[in-house]
PDB file of N, CA and C in Angstrom:
ATOM      1  N   UNK A   1      20.829  29.544 -18.158  1.00  0.00           N
ATOM      2  CA  UNK A   1      20.002  30.718 -17.906  1.00  0.00           C
ATOM      3  C   UNK A   1      18.543  30.364 -18.188  1.00  0.00           C
ATOM      4  N   UNK A   2      17.694  30.757 -17.285  1.00  0.00           N
ATOM      5  CA  UNK A   2      16.264  30.489 -17.433  1.00  0.00           C
ATOM      6  C   UNK A   2      15.602  31.693 -18.085  1.00  0.00           C
ATOM      7  N   UNK A   3      14.891  31.436 -19.139  1.00  0.00           N
ATOM      8  CA  UNK A   3      14.201  32.493 -19.880  1.00  0.00           C
ATOM      9  C   UNK A   3      12.780  32.620 -19.318  1.00  0.00           C
ATOM     10  N   UNK A   4      12.253  33.825 -19.320  1.00  0.00           N
ATOM     11  CA  UNK A   4      10.931  34.059 -18.739  1.00  0.00           C
ATOM     12  C   UNK A   4       9.845  33.278 -19.473  1.00  0.00           C
ATOM     13  N   UNK A   5      10.056  32.979 -20.748  1.00  0.00           N
ATOM     14  CA  UNK A   5       9.055  32.193 -21.470  1.00  0.00           C
ATOM     15  C   UNK A   5       9.032  30.752 -20.950  1.00  0.00           C
ATOM     16  N   UNK A   6      10.217  30.233 -20.524  1.00  0.00           N
ATOM     17  CA  UNK A   6      10.263  28.898 -19.918  1.00  0.00           C
ATOM     18  C   UNK A   6       9.474  28.879 -18.619  1.00  0.00           C
ATOM     19  N   UNK A   7       9.615  29.930 -17.850  1.00  0.00           N
ATOM     20  CA  UNK A   7       8.892  30.039 -16.585  1.00  0.00           C
ATOM     21  C   UNK A   7       7.386  30.099 -16.833  1.00  0.00           C
ATOM     22  N   UNK A   8       6.974  30.845 -17.850  1.00  0.00           N
ATOM     23  CA  UNK A   8       5.548  30.953 -18.181  1.00  0.00           C
ATOM     24  C   UNK A   8       4.997  29.604 -18.641  1.00  0.00           C
ATOM     25  N   UNK A   9       5.774  28.869 -19.433  1.00  0.00           N
ATOM     26  CA  UNK A   9       5.332  27.544 -19.891  1.00  0.00           C
ATOM     27  C   UNK A   9       5.201  26.585 -18.719  1.00  0.00           C
ATOM     28  N   UNK A  10       6.143  26.647 -17.801  1.00  0.00           N
ATOM     29  CA  UNK A  10       6.103  25.792 -16.616  1.00  0.00           C
ATOM     30  C   UNK A  10       4.859  26.105 -15.782  1.00  0.00           C
ATOM     31  N   UNK A  11       4.570  27.375 -15.597  1.00  0.00           N
ATOM     32  CA  UNK A  11       3.390  27.793 -14.836  1.00  0.00           C
ATOM     33  C   UNK A  11       2.120  27.295 -15.517  1.00  0.00           C
ATOM     34  N   UNK A  12       2.061  27.382 -16.854  1.00  0.00           N
ATOM     35  CA  UNK A  12       0.884  26.916 -17.594  1.00  0.00           C
ATOM     36  C   UNK A  12       0.683  25.413 -17.428  1.00  0.00           C
ATOM     37  N   UNK A  13       1.786  24.654 -17.426  1.00  0.00           N
ATOM     38  CA  UNK A  13       1.693  23.199 -17.237  1.00  0.00           C
ATOM     39  C   UNK A  13       1.112  22.873 -15.863  1.00  0.00           C
ATOM     40  N   UNK A  14       1.528  23.603 -14.845  1.00  0.00           N
ATOM     41  CA  UNK A  14       1.013  23.345 -13.505  1.00  0.00           C
ATOM     42  C   UNK A  14      -0.434  23.804 -13.364  1.00  0.00           C
ATOM     43  N   UNK A  15      -0.838  24.819 -14.097  1.00  0.00           N
ATOM     44  CA  UNK A  15      -2.241  25.228 -14.071  1.00  0.00           C
ATOM     45  C   UNK A  15      -3.128  24.134 -14.668  1.00  0.00           C
ATOM     46  N   UNK A  16      -2.585  23.385 -15.641  1.00  0.00           N
ATOM     47  CA  UNK A  16      -3.321  22.254 -16.205  1.00  0.00           C
ATOM     48  C   UNK A  16      -3.440  21.108 -15.197  1.00  0.00           C
ATOM     49  N   UNK A  17      -2.519  21.044 -14.248  1.00  0.00           N
ATOM     50  CA  UNK A  17      -2.498  19.972 -13.247  1.00  0.00           C
ATOM     51  C   UNK A  17      -3.300  20.298 -11.985  1.00  0.00           C
ATOM     52  N   UNK A  18      -3.973  21.440 -11.946  1.00  0.00           N
ATOM     53  CA  UNK A  18      -4.760  21.799 -10.759  1.00  0.00           C
ATOM     54  C   UNK A  18      -5.755  20.685 -10.438  1.00  0.00           C
ATOM     55  N   UNK A  19      -5.752  20.240  -9.190  1.00  0.00           N
ATOM     56  CA  UNK A  19      -6.667  19.200  -8.759  1.00  0.00           C
ATOM     57  C   UNK A  19      -6.175  17.791  -9.030  1.00  0.00           C
ATOM     58  N   UNK A  20      -5.041  17.634  -9.687  1.00  0.00           N
ATOM     59  CA  UNK A  20      -4.488  16.306  -9.994  1.00  0.00           C
ATOM     60  C   UNK A  20      -3.445  15.930  -8.955  1.00  0.00           C
ATOM     61  N   UNK A  21      -3.234  14.620  -8.789  1.00  0.00           N
ATOM     62  CA  UNK A  21      -2.229  14.123  -7.844  1.00  0.00           C
ATOM     63  C   UNK A  21      -0.888  14.031  -8.546  1.00  0.00           C
ATOM     64  N   UNK A  22       0.144  14.545  -7.870  1.00  0.00           N
ATOM     65  CA  UNK A  22       1.498  14.488  -8.402  1.00  0.00           C
ATOM     66  C   UNK A  22       2.457  14.028  -7.305  1.00  0.00           C
ATOM     67  N   UNK A  23       3.653  13.669  -7.731  1.00  0.00           N
ATOM     68  CA  UNK A  23       4.729  13.289  -6.820  1.00  0.00           C
ATOM     69  C   UNK A  23       5.844  14.303  -6.993  1.00  0.00           C
ATOM     70  N   UNK A  24       6.333  14.865  -5.889  1.00  0.00           N
ATOM     71  CA  UNK A  24       7.474  15.790  -5.914  1.00  0.00           C
ATOM     72  C   UNK A  24       8.581  15.191  -5.057  1.00  0.00           C
ATOM     73  N   UNK A  25       9.769  15.083  -5.637  1.00  0.00           N
ATOM     74  CA  UNK A  25      10.932  14.588  -4.902  1.00  0.00           C
ATOM     75  C   UNK A  25      11.956  15.695  -4.829  1.00  0.00           C
ATOM     76  N   UNK A  26      12.461  15.931  -3.613  1.00  0.00           N
ATOM     77  CA  UNK A  26      13.432  16.990  -3.407  1.00  0.00           C
ATOM     78  C   UNK A  26      14.553  16.498  -2.499  1.00  0.00           C
ATOM     79  N   UNK A  27      15.680  17.156  -2.577  1.00  0.00           N
ATOM     80  CA  UNK A  27      16.842  16.784  -1.792  1.00  0.00           C
ATOM     81  C   UNK A  27      16.655  17.264  -0.352  1.00  0.00           C
ATOM     82  N   UNK A  28      16.766  16.343   0.598  1.00  0.00           N
ATOM     83  CA  UNK A  28      16.615  16.681   2.005  1.00  0.00           C
ATOM     84  C   UNK A  28      17.939  16.859   2.713  1.00  0.00           C
ATOM     85  N   UNK A  29      19.038  16.792   1.977  1.00  0.00           N
ATOM     86  CA  UNK A  29      20.353  16.931   2.585  1.00  0.00           C
ATOM     87  C   UNK A  29      20.867  15.595   3.111  1.00  0.00           C
ATOM     88  N   UNK A  30      22.170  15.456   3.168  1.00  0.00           N
ATOM     89  CA  UNK A  30      22.812  14.234   3.668  1.00  0.00           C
ATOM     90  C   UNK A  30      22.274  12.974   3.010  1.00  0.00           C
ATOM     91  N   UNK A  31      22.210  13.002   1.696  1.00  0.00           N
ATOM     92  CA  UNK A  31      21.801  11.849   0.885  1.00  0.00           C
ATOM     93  C   UNK A  31      20.365  11.394   1.154  1.00  0.00           C
ATOM     94  N   UNK A  32      19.505  12.296   1.595  1.00  0.00           N
ATOM     95  CA  UNK A  32      18.103  11.972   1.812  1.00  0.00           C
ATOM     96  C   UNK A  32      17.271  12.597   0.714  1.00  0.00           C
ATOM     97  N   UNK A  33      16.309  11.854   0.235  1.00  0.00           N
ATOM     98  CA  UNK A  33      15.343  12.360  -0.728  1.00  0.00           C
ATOM     99  C   UNK A  33      13.992  12.392  -0.031  1.00  0.00           C
ATOM    100  N   UNK A  34      13.346  13.540  -0.049  1.00  0.00           N
ATOM    101  CA  UNK A  34      12.023  13.689   0.554  1.00  0.00           C
ATOM    102  C   UNK A  34      10.998  13.614  -0.568  1.00  0.00           C
ATOM    103  N   UNK A  35      10.013  12.746  -0.407  1.00  0.00           N
ATOM    104  CA  UNK A  35       8.974  12.551  -1.409  1.00  0.00           C
ATOM    105  C   UNK A  35       7.651  13.070  -0.875  1.00  0.00           C
ATOM    106  N   UNK A  36       7.005  13.909  -1.659  1.00  0.00           N
ATOM    107  CA  UNK A  36       5.683  14.441  -1.329  1.00  0.00           C
ATOM    108  C   UNK A  36       4.703  13.946  -2.382  1.00  0.00           C
ATOM    109  N   UNK A  37       3.596  13.370  -1.935  1.00  0.00           N
ATOM    110  CA  UNK A  37       2.528  12.954  -2.842  1.00  0.00           C
ATOM    111  C   UNK A  37       1.290  13.724  -2.433  1.00  0.00           C
ATOM    112  N   UNK A  38       0.724  14.454  -3.369  1.00  0.00           N
ATOM    113  CA  UNK A  38      -0.441  15.263  -3.036  1.00  0.00           C
ATOM    114  C   UNK A  38      -1.122  15.835  -4.255  1.00  0.00           C
ATOM    115  N   UNK A  39      -2.060  16.714  -3.988  1.00  0.00           N
ATOM    116  CA  UNK A  39      -2.871  17.338  -5.019  1.00  0.00           C
ATOM    117  C   UNK A  39      -2.427  18.782  -5.208  1.00  0.00           C
ATOM    118  N   UNK A  40      -2.279  19.193  -6.461  1.00  0.00           N
ATOM    119  CA  UNK A  40      -1.925  20.584  -6.749  1.00  0.00           C
ATOM    120  C   UNK A  40      -3.125  21.442  -6.383  1.00  0.00           C
ATOM    121  N   UNK A  41      -2.919  22.363  -5.455  1.00  0.00           N
ATOM    122  CA  UNK A  41      -4.038  23.157  -4.948  1.00  0.00           C
ATOM    123  C   UNK A  41      -4.125  24.534  -5.600  1.00  0.00           C
ATOM    124  N   UNK A  42      -3.014  25.271  -5.650  1.00  0.00           N
ATOM    125  CA  UNK A  42      -3.012  26.623  -6.222  1.00  0.00           C
ATOM    126  C   UNK A  42      -1.757  26.829  -7.056  1.00  0.00           C
ATOM    127  N   UNK A  43      -1.876  27.686  -8.054  1.00  0.00           N
ATOM    128  CA  UNK A  43      -0.727  28.125  -8.849  1.00  0.00           C
ATOM    129  C   UNK A  43      -0.626  29.639  -8.724  1.00  0.00           C
ATOM    130  N   UNK A  44       0.421  30.094  -8.086  1.00  0.00           N
ATOM    131  CA  UNK A  44       0.673  31.511  -7.922  1.00  0.00           C
ATOM    132  C   UNK A  44       1.721  31.945  -8.941  1.00  0.00           C
ATOM    133  N   UNK A  45       2.011  33.240  -9.058  1.00  0.00           N
ATOM    134  CA  UNK A  45       2.978  33.685 -10.072  1.00  0.00           C
ATOM    135  C   UNK A  45       4.363  33.046  -9.966  1.00  0.00           C
ATOM    136  N   UNK A  46       4.850  32.746  -8.760  1.00  0.00           N
ATOM    137  CA  UNK A  46       6.200  32.194  -8.619  1.00  0.00           C
ATOM    138  C   UNK A  46       6.249  30.807  -7.989  1.00  0.00           C
ATOM    139  N   UNK A  47       5.177  30.359  -7.362  1.00  0.00           N
ATOM    140  CA  UNK A  47       5.158  29.062  -6.688  1.00  0.00           C
ATOM    141  C   UNK A  47       3.831  28.350  -6.938  1.00  0.00           C
ATOM    142  N   UNK A  48       3.839  27.036  -6.685  1.00  0.00           N
ATOM    143  CA  UNK A  48       2.599  26.266  -6.660  1.00  0.00           C
ATOM    144  C   UNK A  48       2.533  25.551  -5.321  1.00  0.00           C
ATOM    145  N   UNK A  49       1.327  25.253  -4.866  1.00  0.00           N
ATOM    146  CA  UNK A  49       1.160  24.593  -3.580  1.00  0.00           C
ATOM    147  C   UNK A  49       0.619  23.187  -3.781  1.00  0.00           C
ATOM    148  N   UNK A  50       1.039  22.319  -2.885  1.00  0.00           N
ATOM    149  CA  UNK A  50       0.678  20.912  -2.944  1.00  0.00           C
ATOM    150  C   UNK A  50       0.074  20.528  -1.600  1.00  0.00           C
ATOM    151  N   UNK A  51      -1.149  20.000  -1.607  1.00  0.00           N
ATOM    152  CA  UNK A  51      -1.814  19.544  -0.385  1.00  0.00           C
ATOM    153  C   UNK A  51      -1.485  18.062  -0.217  1.00  0.00           C
ATOM    154  N   UNK A  52      -0.759  17.724   0.855  1.00  0.00           N
ATOM    155  CA  UNK A  52      -0.271  16.358   1.090  1.00  0.00           C
ATOM    156  C   UNK A  52      -0.948  15.755   2.308  1.00  0.00           C
ATOM    157  N   UNK A  53      -1.098  14.431   2.260  1.00  0.00           N
ATOM    158  CA  UNK A  53      -1.598  13.685   3.409  1.00  0.00           C
ATOM    159  C   UNK A  53      -0.386  13.098   4.111  1.00  0.00           C
ATOM    160  N   UNK A  54      -0.168  13.457   5.373  1.00  0.00           N
ATOM    161  CA  UNK A  54       0.991  12.993   6.116  1.00  0.00           C
ATOM    162  C   UNK A  54       0.831  11.564   6.608  1.00  0.00           C
ATOM    163  N   UNK A  55       1.935  10.995   7.086  1.00  0.00           N
ATOM    164  CA  UNK A  55       1.912   9.632   7.607  1.00  0.00           C
ATOM    165  C   UNK A  55       1.031   9.512   8.841  1.00  0.00           C
ATOM    166  N   UNK A  56       0.955  10.574   9.618  1.00  0.00           N
ATOM    167  CA  UNK A  56       0.159  10.539  10.846  1.00  0.00           C
ATOM    168  C   UNK A  56      -1.294  10.967  10.614  1.00  0.00           C
ATOM    169  N   UNK A  57      -1.691  11.122   9.365  1.00  0.00           N
ATOM    170  CA  UNK A  57      -3.071  11.474   9.043  1.00  0.00           C
ATOM    171  C   UNK A  57      -3.323  12.960   8.924  1.00  0.00           C
ATOM    172  N   UNK A  58      -2.341  13.772   9.255  1.00  0.00           N
ATOM    173  CA  UNK A  58      -2.514  15.221   9.158  1.00  0.00           C
ATOM    174  C   UNK A  58      -2.246  15.689   7.738  1.00  0.00           C
ATOM    175  N   UNK A  59      -2.996  16.687   7.324  1.00  0.00           N
ATOM    176  CA  UNK A  59      -2.763  17.304   6.018  1.00  0.00           C
ATOM    177  C   UNK A  59      -1.740  18.413   6.167  1.00  0.00           C
ATOM    178  N   UNK A  60      -0.929  18.572   5.143  1.00  0.00           N
ATOM    179  CA  UNK A  60       0.031  19.672   5.148  1.00  0.00           C
ATOM    180  C   UNK A  60       0.009  20.343   3.785  1.00  0.00           C
ATOM    181  N   UNK A  61       0.408  21.574   3.770  1.00  0.00           N
ATOM    182  CA  UNK A  61       0.474  22.356   2.543  1.00  0.00           C
ATOM    183  C   UNK A  61       1.938  22.709   2.300  1.00  0.00           C
ATOM    184  N   UNK A  62       2.460  22.279   1.157  1.00  0.00           N
ATOM    185  CA  UNK A  62       3.857  22.488   0.818  1.00  0.00           C
ATOM    186  C   UNK A  62       3.912  23.315  -0.453  1.00  0.00           C
ATOM    187  N   UNK A  63       4.861  24.244  -0.518  1.00  0.00           N
ATOM    188  CA  UNK A  63       4.988  25.052  -1.733  1.00  0.00           C
ATOM    189  C   UNK A  63       6.344  24.800  -2.386  1.00  0.00           C
ATOM    190  N   UNK A  64       6.348  24.862  -3.704  1.00  0.00           N
ATOM    191  CA  UNK A  64       7.554  24.699  -4.506  1.00  0.00           C
ATOM    192  C   UNK A  64       7.581  25.797  -5.545  1.00  0.00           C
ATOM    193  N   UNK A  65       8.777  26.236  -5.904  1.00  0.00           N
ATOM    194  CA  UNK A  65       8.888  27.278  -6.924  1.00  0.00           C
ATOM    195  C   UNK A  65       9.055  26.639  -8.290  1.00  0.00           C
ATOM    196  N   UNK A  66       8.610  27.349  -9.312  1.00  0.00           N
ATOM    197  CA  UNK A  66       8.756  26.877 -10.690  1.00  0.00           C
ATOM    198  C   UNK A  66      10.237  26.828 -11.079  1.00  0.00           C
ATOM    199  N   UNK A  67      11.040  27.723 -10.511  1.00  0.00           N
ATOM    200  CA  UNK A  67      12.481  27.753 -10.802  1.00  0.00           C
ATOM    201  C   UNK A  67      13.124  26.448 -10.351  1.00  0.00           C
ATOM    202  N   UNK A  68      12.720  25.938  -9.179  1.00  0.00           N
ATOM    203  CA  UNK A  68      13.270  24.672  -8.697  1.00  0.00           C
ATOM    204  C   UNK A  68      12.905  23.515  -9.622  1.00  0.00           C
ATOM    205  N   UNK A  69      11.733  23.558 -10.215  1.00  0.00           N
ATOM    206  CA  UNK A  69      11.325  22.522 -11.163  1.00  0.00           C
ATOM    207  C   UNK A  69      12.163  22.643 -12.437  1.00  0.00           C
ATOM    208  N   UNK A  70      12.362  23.864 -12.920  1.00  0.00           N
ATOM    209  CA  UNK A  70      13.132  24.064 -14.145  1.00  0.00           C
ATOM    210  C   UNK A  70      14.601  23.700 -13.976  1.00  0.00           C
ATOM    211  N   UNK A  71      15.158  23.933 -12.798  1.00  0.00           N
ATOM    212  CA  UNK A  71      16.565  23.600 -12.549  1.00  0.00           C
ATOM    213  C   UNK A  71      16.727  22.170 -12.032  1.00  0.00           C
ATOM    214  N   UNK A  72      15.626  21.439 -11.949  1.00  0.00           N
ATOM    215  CA  UNK A  72      15.604  20.037 -11.515  1.00  0.00           C
ATOM    216  C   UNK A  72      16.052  19.841 -10.067  1.00  0.00           C
ATOM    217  N   UNK A  73      15.900  20.870  -9.254  1.00  0.00           N
ATOM    218  CA  UNK A  73      16.101  20.722  -7.816  1.00  0.00           C
ATOM    219  C   UNK A  73      14.939  19.920  -7.234  1.00  0.00           C
ATOM    220  N   UNK A  74      13.764  20.109  -7.827  1.00  0.00           N
ATOM    221  CA  UNK A  74      12.564  19.357  -7.469  1.00  0.00           C
ATOM    222  C   UNK A  74      12.148  18.567  -8.697  1.00  0.00           C
ATOM    223  N   UNK A  75      12.008  17.260  -8.530  1.00  0.00           N
ATOM    224  CA  UNK A  75      11.555  16.381  -9.611  1.00  0.00           C
ATOM    225  C   UNK A  75      10.058  16.173  -9.452  1.00  0.00           C
ATOM    226  N   UNK A  76       9.317  16.279 -10.554  1.00  0.00           N
ATOM    227  CA  UNK A  76       7.857  16.179 -10.510  1.00  0.00           C
ATOM    228  C   UNK A  76       7.395  15.064 -11.436  1.00  0.00           C
ATOM    229  N   UNK A  77       6.457  14.276 -10.951  1.00  0.00           N
ATOM    230  CA  UNK A  77       5.827  13.232 -11.757  1.00  0.00           C
ATOM    231  C   UNK A  77       4.333  13.240 -11.510  1.00  0.00           C
ATOM    232  N   UNK A  78       3.565  12.942 -12.542  1.00  0.00           N
ATOM    233  CA  UNK A  78       2.112  12.926 -12.435  1.00  0.00           C
ATOM    234  C   UNK A  78       1.666  11.504 -12.109  1.00  0.00           C
ATOM    235  N   UNK A  79       0.801  11.368 -11.121  1.00  0.00           N
ATOM    236  CA  UNK A  79       0.272  10.056 -10.742  1.00  0.00           C
ATOM    237  C   UNK A  79      -0.734   9.618 -11.801  1.00  0.00           C
ATOM    238  N   UNK A  80      -0.721   8.337 -12.166  1.00  0.00           N
ATOM    239  CA  UNK A  80      -1.710   7.849 -13.134  1.00  0.00           C
ATOM    240  C   UNK A  80      -3.119   7.923 -12.556  1.00  0.00           C
ATOM    241  N   UNK A  81      -4.085   8.157 -13.432  1.00  0.00           N
ATOM    242  CA  UNK A  81      -5.476   8.302 -12.992  1.00  0.00           C
ATOM    243  C   UNK A  81      -5.996   7.017 -12.360  1.00  0.00           C
ATOM    244  N   UNK A  82      -5.602   5.851 -12.880  1.00  0.00           N
ATOM    245  CA  UNK A  82      -6.094   4.583 -12.350  1.00  0.00           C
ATOM    246  C   UNK A  82      -5.601   4.357 -10.932  1.00  0.00           C
ATOM    247  N   UNK A  83      -4.397   4.837 -10.615  1.00  0.00           N
ATOM    248  CA  UNK A  83      -3.861   4.677  -9.263  1.00  0.00           C
ATOM    249  C   UNK A  83      -4.696   5.476  -8.263  1.00  0.00           C
ATOM    250  N   UNK A  84      -5.248   6.607  -8.701  1.00  0.00           N
ATOM    251  CA  UNK A  84      -6.092   7.402  -7.808  1.00  0.00           C
ATOM    252  C   UNK A  84      -7.365   6.635  -7.459  1.00  0.00           C
ATOM    253  N   UNK A  85      -7.943   5.949  -8.457  1.00  0.00           N
ATOM    254  CA  UNK A  85      -9.169   5.209  -8.213  1.00  0.00           C
ATOM    255  C   UNK A  85      -8.922   4.036  -7.285  1.00  0.00           C
ATOM    256  N   UNK A  86      -7.757   3.390  -7.399  1.00  0.00           N
ATOM    257  CA  UNK A  86      -7.431   2.262  -6.542  1.00  0.00           C
ATOM    258  C   UNK A  86      -7.181   2.692  -5.115  1.00  0.00           C
ATOM    259  N   UNK A  87      -6.646   3.916  -4.935  1.00  0.00           N
ATOM    260  CA  UNK A  87      -6.324   4.397  -3.603  1.00  0.00           C
ATOM    261  C   UNK A  87      -7.563   4.749  -2.799  1.00  0.00           C
ATOM    262  N   UNK A  88      -8.649   5.071  -3.464  1.00  0.00           N
ATOM    263  CA  UNK A  88      -9.873   5.488  -2.772  1.00  0.00           C
ATOM    264  C   UNK A  88     -10.615   4.343  -2.263  1.00  0.00           C
TER     265      UNK A  88
END
């Protein structure tokens, strides 16, 4: 059972990550894992949005719920700061 205080703590953690690059991995079905690498753009009451750079150069906006993070349906990792400098 997810307690509302857990949800609030999760939301606070993502508010600290605003503007930072993170990696989100989610199940794509049929043994596929979809990986999104992007910048946390907004934190809303129930979801956060991630601005991703696609393989074809197009930007996309993807949203994930805090509940999915708490239940580990979506795995989240923070990109190291030095990796951001190397990528630029």
